[in-house]
N, C-alpha and C. Protein backbone atom coordinates (compact mmCIF):
# COMPACT_ATOMS: atom_id res chain seq x y z
N MET A 1 0.81 -1.19 0.00
CA MET A 1 0.00 0.00 0.00
C MET A 1 0.86 1.26 0.00
N ARG A 2 2.04 1.15 0.58
CA ARG A 2 2.91 2.32 0.62
C ARG A 2 3.30 2.76 -0.79
N ARG A 3 3.58 1.79 -1.65
CA ARG A 3 3.92 2.12 -3.04
C ARG A 3 2.73 2.75 -3.75
N LEU A 4 1.55 2.29 -3.41
CA LEU A 4 0.33 2.85 -3.98
C LEU A 4 0.24 4.33 -3.67
N MET A 5 0.55 4.69 -2.43
CA MET A 5 0.50 6.08 -2.01
C MET A 5 1.60 6.90 -2.68
N LEU A 6 2.76 6.30 -2.84
CA LEU A 6 3.85 7.01 -3.52
C LEU A 6 3.49 7.30 -4.97
N LEU A 7 2.82 6.35 -5.62
CA LEU A 7 2.40 6.56 -7.00
C LEU A 7 1.41 7.71 -7.10
N ALA A 8 0.48 7.76 -6.17
CA ALA A 8 -0.50 8.85 -6.18
C ALA A 8 0.18 10.19 -5.93
N LEU A 9 1.16 10.19 -5.04
CA LEU A 9 1.88 11.42 -4.76
C LEU A 9 2.65 11.91 -5.98
N LEU A 10 3.19 10.99 -6.75
CA LEU A 10 3.91 11.37 -7.96
C LEU A 10 2.99 12.01 -9.00
N LEU A 11 1.72 11.65 -8.95
CA LEU A 11 0.76 12.22 -9.89
C LEU A 11 0.30 13.61 -9.49
N ALA A 12 0.52 13.96 -8.25
CA ALA A 12 0.06 15.26 -7.76
C ALA A 12 1.11 16.33 -8.01
N PRO A 13 0.69 17.52 -8.44
CA PRO A 13 1.65 18.61 -8.64
C PRO A 13 2.09 19.19 -7.31
N ALA A 14 3.28 19.75 -7.30
CA ALA A 14 3.79 20.38 -6.09
C ALA A 14 3.20 21.78 -5.97
N VAL A 15 2.41 21.98 -4.95
CA VAL A 15 1.78 23.27 -4.71
C VAL A 15 2.12 23.67 -3.27
N ALA A 16 2.55 24.90 -3.07
CA ALA A 16 2.88 25.39 -1.73
C ALA A 16 1.62 25.43 -0.88
N PHE A 17 1.75 25.07 0.39
CA PHE A 17 0.61 25.08 1.29
C PHE A 17 0.48 26.44 1.96
N SER A 18 -0.53 27.17 1.56
CA SER A 18 -0.89 28.42 2.19
C SER A 18 -2.31 28.73 1.79
N GLY A 19 -3.12 29.18 2.71
CA GLY A 19 -4.52 29.51 2.50
C GLY A 19 -5.13 29.10 1.18
N GLN A 20 -5.05 29.96 0.20
CA GLN A 20 -5.68 29.73 -1.09
C GLN A 20 -5.00 28.57 -1.84
N ALA A 21 -3.71 28.47 -1.74
CA ALA A 21 -3.00 27.39 -2.41
C ALA A 21 -3.40 26.04 -1.82
N GLU A 22 -3.61 25.99 -0.51
CA GLU A 22 -4.02 24.74 0.13
C GLU A 22 -5.42 24.33 -0.32
N ALA A 23 -6.31 25.30 -0.46
CA ALA A 23 -7.66 25.01 -0.94
C ALA A 23 -7.62 24.50 -2.38
N LYS A 24 -6.76 25.10 -3.19
CA LYS A 24 -6.61 24.67 -4.58
C LYS A 24 -6.05 23.25 -4.62
N ARG A 25 -5.08 22.99 -3.76
CA ARG A 25 -4.47 21.65 -3.69
C ARG A 25 -5.53 20.63 -3.27
N ALA A 26 -6.33 20.96 -2.27
CA ALA A 26 -7.37 20.04 -1.80
C ALA A 26 -8.37 19.74 -2.92
N HIS A 27 -8.71 20.75 -3.70
CA HIS A 27 -9.64 20.55 -4.81
C HIS A 27 -9.02 19.62 -5.86
N TYR A 28 -7.77 19.85 -6.19
CA TYR A 28 -7.08 18.99 -7.15
C TYR A 28 -7.00 17.55 -6.63
N CYS A 29 -6.68 17.40 -5.35
CA CYS A 29 -6.57 16.07 -4.76
C CYS A 29 -7.92 15.36 -4.77
N GLN A 30 -9.00 16.12 -4.59
CA GLN A 30 -10.35 15.55 -4.67
C GLN A 30 -10.62 15.05 -6.08
N LEU A 31 -10.22 15.82 -7.09
CA LEU A 31 -10.38 15.38 -8.48
C LEU A 31 -9.57 14.10 -8.74
N LEU A 32 -8.34 14.06 -8.22
CA LEU A 32 -7.48 12.90 -8.39
C LEU A 32 -8.10 11.68 -7.70
N GLU A 33 -8.62 11.89 -6.50
CA GLU A 33 -9.31 10.82 -5.78
C GLU A 33 -10.46 10.28 -6.61
N ASN A 34 -11.28 11.18 -7.15
CA ASN A 34 -12.41 10.77 -7.97
C ASN A 34 -11.95 10.00 -9.20
N ALA A 35 -10.84 10.41 -9.79
CA ALA A 35 -10.32 9.72 -10.97
C ALA A 35 -9.95 8.27 -10.64
N PHE A 36 -9.24 8.06 -9.53
CA PHE A 36 -8.85 6.70 -9.15
C PHE A 36 -10.07 5.84 -8.82
N VAL A 37 -11.00 6.39 -8.06
CA VAL A 37 -12.19 5.62 -7.67
C VAL A 37 -13.04 5.29 -8.89
N THR A 38 -13.21 6.25 -9.79
CA THR A 38 -14.00 6.01 -11.00
C THR A 38 -13.33 5.00 -11.90
N ALA A 39 -12.00 5.10 -12.07
CA ALA A 39 -11.28 4.13 -12.89
C ALA A 39 -11.43 2.72 -12.32
N ALA A 40 -11.33 2.58 -11.01
CA ALA A 40 -11.49 1.26 -10.38
C ALA A 40 -12.92 0.75 -10.57
N SER A 41 -13.88 1.63 -10.48
CA SER A 41 -15.28 1.24 -10.66
C SER A 41 -15.55 0.79 -12.10
N THR A 42 -15.02 1.52 -13.07
CA THR A 42 -15.23 1.12 -14.46
C THR A 42 -14.54 -0.21 -14.75
N ARG A 43 -13.36 -0.39 -14.17
CA ARG A 43 -12.65 -1.67 -14.32
C ARG A 43 -13.47 -2.81 -13.74
N ASP A 44 -13.99 -2.60 -12.54
CA ASP A 44 -14.75 -3.64 -11.85
C ASP A 44 -16.08 -3.94 -12.54
N ASN A 45 -16.58 -2.99 -13.32
CA ASN A 45 -17.84 -3.18 -14.04
C ASN A 45 -17.62 -3.68 -15.48
N GLY A 46 -16.37 -4.05 -15.80
CA GLY A 46 -16.08 -4.68 -17.08
C GLY A 46 -15.89 -3.73 -18.25
N MET A 47 -15.72 -2.45 -17.97
CA MET A 47 -15.50 -1.50 -19.05
C MET A 47 -14.04 -1.55 -19.49
N SER A 48 -13.80 -1.26 -20.75
CA SER A 48 -12.43 -1.25 -21.28
C SER A 48 -11.70 0.00 -20.80
N PRO A 49 -10.37 0.00 -20.87
CA PRO A 49 -9.62 1.21 -20.51
C PRO A 49 -10.04 2.41 -21.35
N LYS A 50 -10.34 2.20 -22.62
CA LYS A 50 -10.77 3.31 -23.48
C LYS A 50 -12.11 3.87 -23.01
N GLN A 51 -13.02 3.01 -22.63
CA GLN A 51 -14.31 3.47 -22.11
C GLN A 51 -14.11 4.22 -20.80
N SER A 52 -13.22 3.72 -19.97
CA SER A 52 -12.91 4.40 -18.72
C SER A 52 -12.34 5.79 -18.98
N TYR A 53 -11.45 5.87 -19.97
CA TYR A 53 -10.87 7.16 -20.34
C TYR A 53 -11.97 8.14 -20.75
N ASN A 54 -12.90 7.69 -21.56
CA ASN A 54 -13.98 8.57 -22.00
C ASN A 54 -14.84 9.04 -20.82
N VAL A 55 -15.10 8.14 -19.88
CA VAL A 55 -15.87 8.51 -18.68
C VAL A 55 -15.11 9.57 -17.87
N LEU A 56 -13.82 9.32 -17.65
CA LEU A 56 -13.01 10.25 -16.85
C LEU A 56 -12.84 11.60 -17.54
N MET A 57 -12.66 11.59 -18.84
CA MET A 57 -12.53 12.87 -19.56
C MET A 57 -13.82 13.67 -19.48
N GLY A 58 -14.94 12.97 -19.37
CA GLY A 58 -16.23 13.65 -19.24
C GLY A 58 -16.50 14.20 -17.85
N SER A 59 -15.70 13.77 -16.88
CA SER A 59 -15.92 14.26 -15.51
C SER A 59 -14.72 15.08 -15.04
N VAL A 60 -13.68 14.43 -14.55
CA VAL A 60 -12.53 15.16 -14.00
C VAL A 60 -11.64 15.77 -15.06
N GLY A 61 -11.75 15.31 -16.30
CA GLY A 61 -10.94 15.86 -17.37
C GLY A 61 -11.56 17.06 -18.05
N SER A 62 -12.82 17.33 -17.72
CA SER A 62 -13.50 18.43 -18.40
C SER A 62 -13.77 19.62 -17.48
N ALA A 63 -13.32 19.53 -16.23
CA ALA A 63 -13.48 20.67 -15.33
C ALA A 63 -12.72 21.85 -15.95
N LYS A 64 -13.19 23.03 -15.73
CA LYS A 64 -12.65 24.21 -16.43
C LYS A 64 -11.14 24.37 -16.25
N ASP A 65 -10.71 25.26 -15.42
CA ASP A 65 -9.30 25.57 -15.27
C ASP A 65 -8.51 24.54 -14.47
N ASP A 66 -9.21 23.76 -13.69
CA ASP A 66 -8.52 22.85 -12.77
C ASP A 66 -8.66 21.39 -13.17
N ALA A 67 -8.91 21.14 -14.44
CA ALA A 67 -9.07 19.77 -14.91
C ALA A 67 -7.77 18.99 -14.78
N ILE A 68 -7.93 17.69 -14.65
CA ILE A 68 -6.75 16.81 -14.66
C ILE A 68 -6.39 16.61 -16.13
N PRO A 69 -5.14 16.83 -16.50
CA PRO A 69 -4.72 16.67 -17.90
C PRO A 69 -4.93 15.23 -18.39
N SER A 70 -5.18 15.09 -19.66
CA SER A 70 -5.45 13.77 -20.23
C SER A 70 -4.29 12.80 -20.02
N ALA A 71 -3.06 13.29 -20.02
CA ALA A 71 -1.91 12.41 -19.79
C ALA A 71 -1.96 11.79 -18.39
N LYS A 72 -2.38 12.57 -17.40
CA LYS A 72 -2.48 12.03 -16.03
C LYS A 72 -3.66 11.08 -15.91
N ILE A 73 -4.73 11.36 -16.63
CA ILE A 73 -5.87 10.44 -16.62
C ILE A 73 -5.44 9.10 -17.21
N LYS A 74 -4.66 9.12 -18.26
CA LYS A 74 -4.15 7.88 -18.84
C LYS A 74 -3.27 7.13 -17.84
N LYS A 75 -2.43 7.86 -17.08
CA LYS A 75 -1.58 7.21 -16.07
C LYS A 75 -2.44 6.54 -15.00
N VAL A 76 -3.49 7.25 -14.56
CA VAL A 76 -4.38 6.69 -13.54
C VAL A 76 -5.01 5.40 -14.06
N ILE A 77 -5.54 5.43 -15.28
CA ILE A 77 -6.19 4.26 -15.86
C ILE A 77 -5.19 3.11 -16.00
N ASN A 78 -3.99 3.40 -16.49
CA ASN A 78 -3.00 2.34 -16.64
C ASN A 78 -2.60 1.74 -15.30
N LEU A 79 -2.50 2.55 -14.27
CA LEU A 79 -2.20 2.02 -12.94
C LEU A 79 -3.32 1.12 -12.45
N VAL A 80 -4.53 1.62 -12.51
CA VAL A 80 -5.68 0.89 -11.96
C VAL A 80 -5.95 -0.40 -12.75
N TYR A 81 -5.81 -0.36 -14.05
CA TYR A 81 -6.12 -1.53 -14.88
C TYR A 81 -4.97 -2.54 -14.96
N PHE A 82 -3.72 -2.08 -14.96
CA PHE A 82 -2.63 -2.97 -15.29
C PHE A 82 -1.58 -3.18 -14.20
N ASP A 83 -1.54 -2.36 -13.18
CA ASP A 83 -0.58 -2.53 -12.10
C ASP A 83 -1.16 -3.53 -11.09
N PRO A 84 -0.46 -4.65 -10.84
CA PRO A 84 -1.00 -5.67 -9.94
C PRO A 84 -1.29 -5.17 -8.53
N ARG A 85 -0.64 -4.09 -8.12
CA ARG A 85 -0.91 -3.55 -6.78
C ARG A 85 -2.30 -2.95 -6.67
N PHE A 86 -2.93 -2.70 -7.79
CA PHE A 86 -4.27 -2.10 -7.79
C PHE A 86 -5.37 -3.12 -8.09
N THR A 87 -5.01 -4.39 -8.23
CA THR A 87 -5.97 -5.41 -8.62
C THR A 87 -7.22 -5.41 -7.74
N TYR A 88 -7.05 -5.32 -6.44
CA TYR A 88 -8.20 -5.36 -5.54
C TYR A 88 -8.47 -4.01 -4.89
N ALA A 89 -7.86 -2.98 -5.39
CA ALA A 89 -8.04 -1.64 -4.83
C ALA A 89 -9.24 -0.97 -5.48
N GLY A 90 -10.03 -0.30 -4.67
CA GLY A 90 -11.17 0.42 -5.21
C GLY A 90 -12.00 1.03 -4.09
N GLY A 91 -13.00 1.75 -4.47
CA GLY A 91 -13.95 2.33 -3.54
C GLY A 91 -13.35 3.38 -2.62
N PRO A 92 -14.09 3.67 -1.55
CA PRO A 92 -13.66 4.72 -0.62
C PRO A 92 -12.27 4.53 -0.02
N PRO A 93 -11.84 3.30 0.32
CA PRO A 93 -10.48 3.16 0.87
C PRO A 93 -9.40 3.63 -0.11
N LEU A 94 -9.54 3.29 -1.39
CA LEU A 94 -8.58 3.74 -2.39
C LEU A 94 -8.62 5.26 -2.50
N GLY A 95 -9.81 5.81 -2.57
CA GLY A 95 -9.95 7.25 -2.67
C GLY A 95 -9.33 7.99 -1.50
N GLU A 96 -9.54 7.48 -0.31
CA GLU A 96 -8.98 8.12 0.89
C GLU A 96 -7.45 8.07 0.87
N GLN A 97 -6.88 6.95 0.45
CA GLN A 97 -5.42 6.83 0.38
C GLN A 97 -4.84 7.79 -0.64
N VAL A 98 -5.49 7.89 -1.80
CA VAL A 98 -5.02 8.80 -2.84
C VAL A 98 -5.09 10.24 -2.35
N PHE A 99 -6.22 10.61 -1.75
CA PHE A 99 -6.39 11.99 -1.27
C PHE A 99 -5.34 12.33 -0.22
N ASN A 100 -5.18 11.47 0.76
CA ASN A 100 -4.21 11.73 1.83
C ASN A 100 -2.79 11.83 1.31
N SER A 101 -2.43 10.95 0.39
CA SER A 101 -1.10 10.99 -0.19
C SER A 101 -0.90 12.26 -1.00
N CYS A 102 -1.89 12.62 -1.78
CA CYS A 102 -1.82 13.84 -2.60
C CYS A 102 -1.66 15.09 -1.73
N MET A 103 -2.34 15.10 -0.60
CA MET A 103 -2.28 16.24 0.31
C MET A 103 -0.98 16.27 1.11
N GLY A 104 -0.18 15.20 1.00
CA GLY A 104 1.09 15.17 1.70
C GLY A 104 0.96 14.84 3.18
N ARG A 105 -0.14 14.18 3.52
CA ARG A 105 -0.35 13.82 4.93
C ARG A 105 0.64 12.74 5.32
N LYS A 106 1.09 12.84 6.54
CA LYS A 106 2.14 11.95 7.06
C LYS A 106 1.74 10.49 6.94
N GLN A 107 2.64 9.71 6.40
CA GLN A 107 2.46 8.27 6.31
C GLN A 107 3.37 7.63 7.35
N TYR A 108 2.78 6.80 8.19
CA TYR A 108 3.56 6.16 9.23
C TYR A 108 4.40 5.02 8.68
N LYS A 109 5.50 4.74 9.35
CA LYS A 109 6.38 3.65 8.96
C LYS A 109 6.18 2.50 9.93
N PRO A 110 6.42 1.27 9.46
CA PRO A 110 6.26 0.11 10.34
C PRO A 110 7.22 0.17 11.53
N LEU A 111 6.80 -0.41 12.63
CA LEU A 111 7.66 -0.51 13.81
C LEU A 111 8.78 -1.50 13.50
N ARG A 112 9.91 -1.27 14.09
CA ARG A 112 11.05 -2.18 13.90
C ARG A 112 11.41 -2.80 15.21
């Protein structure tokens, strides 16, 4: 799961945390969360990656100024459909992990 969070973090742009910037970051992270959850849902419902792409472009890819670029949507779909770490990932738990990772929330390390 740690790698899953690192992958989500890599997809998020670096934005400084301050009032308005933090709100913008949270909004972007919410879009990214929705992209991962929707991609997992389309996969689980038997839709092809191309169909998933069309669904995502119609939602998080079509938001005005803050849309997720099509290249990132393709990365999300490829991760969710083809990366074995995402085989059983989906729903609210996946969304929460993506959002927290995107926001840069502290990830704990295992005890030694």
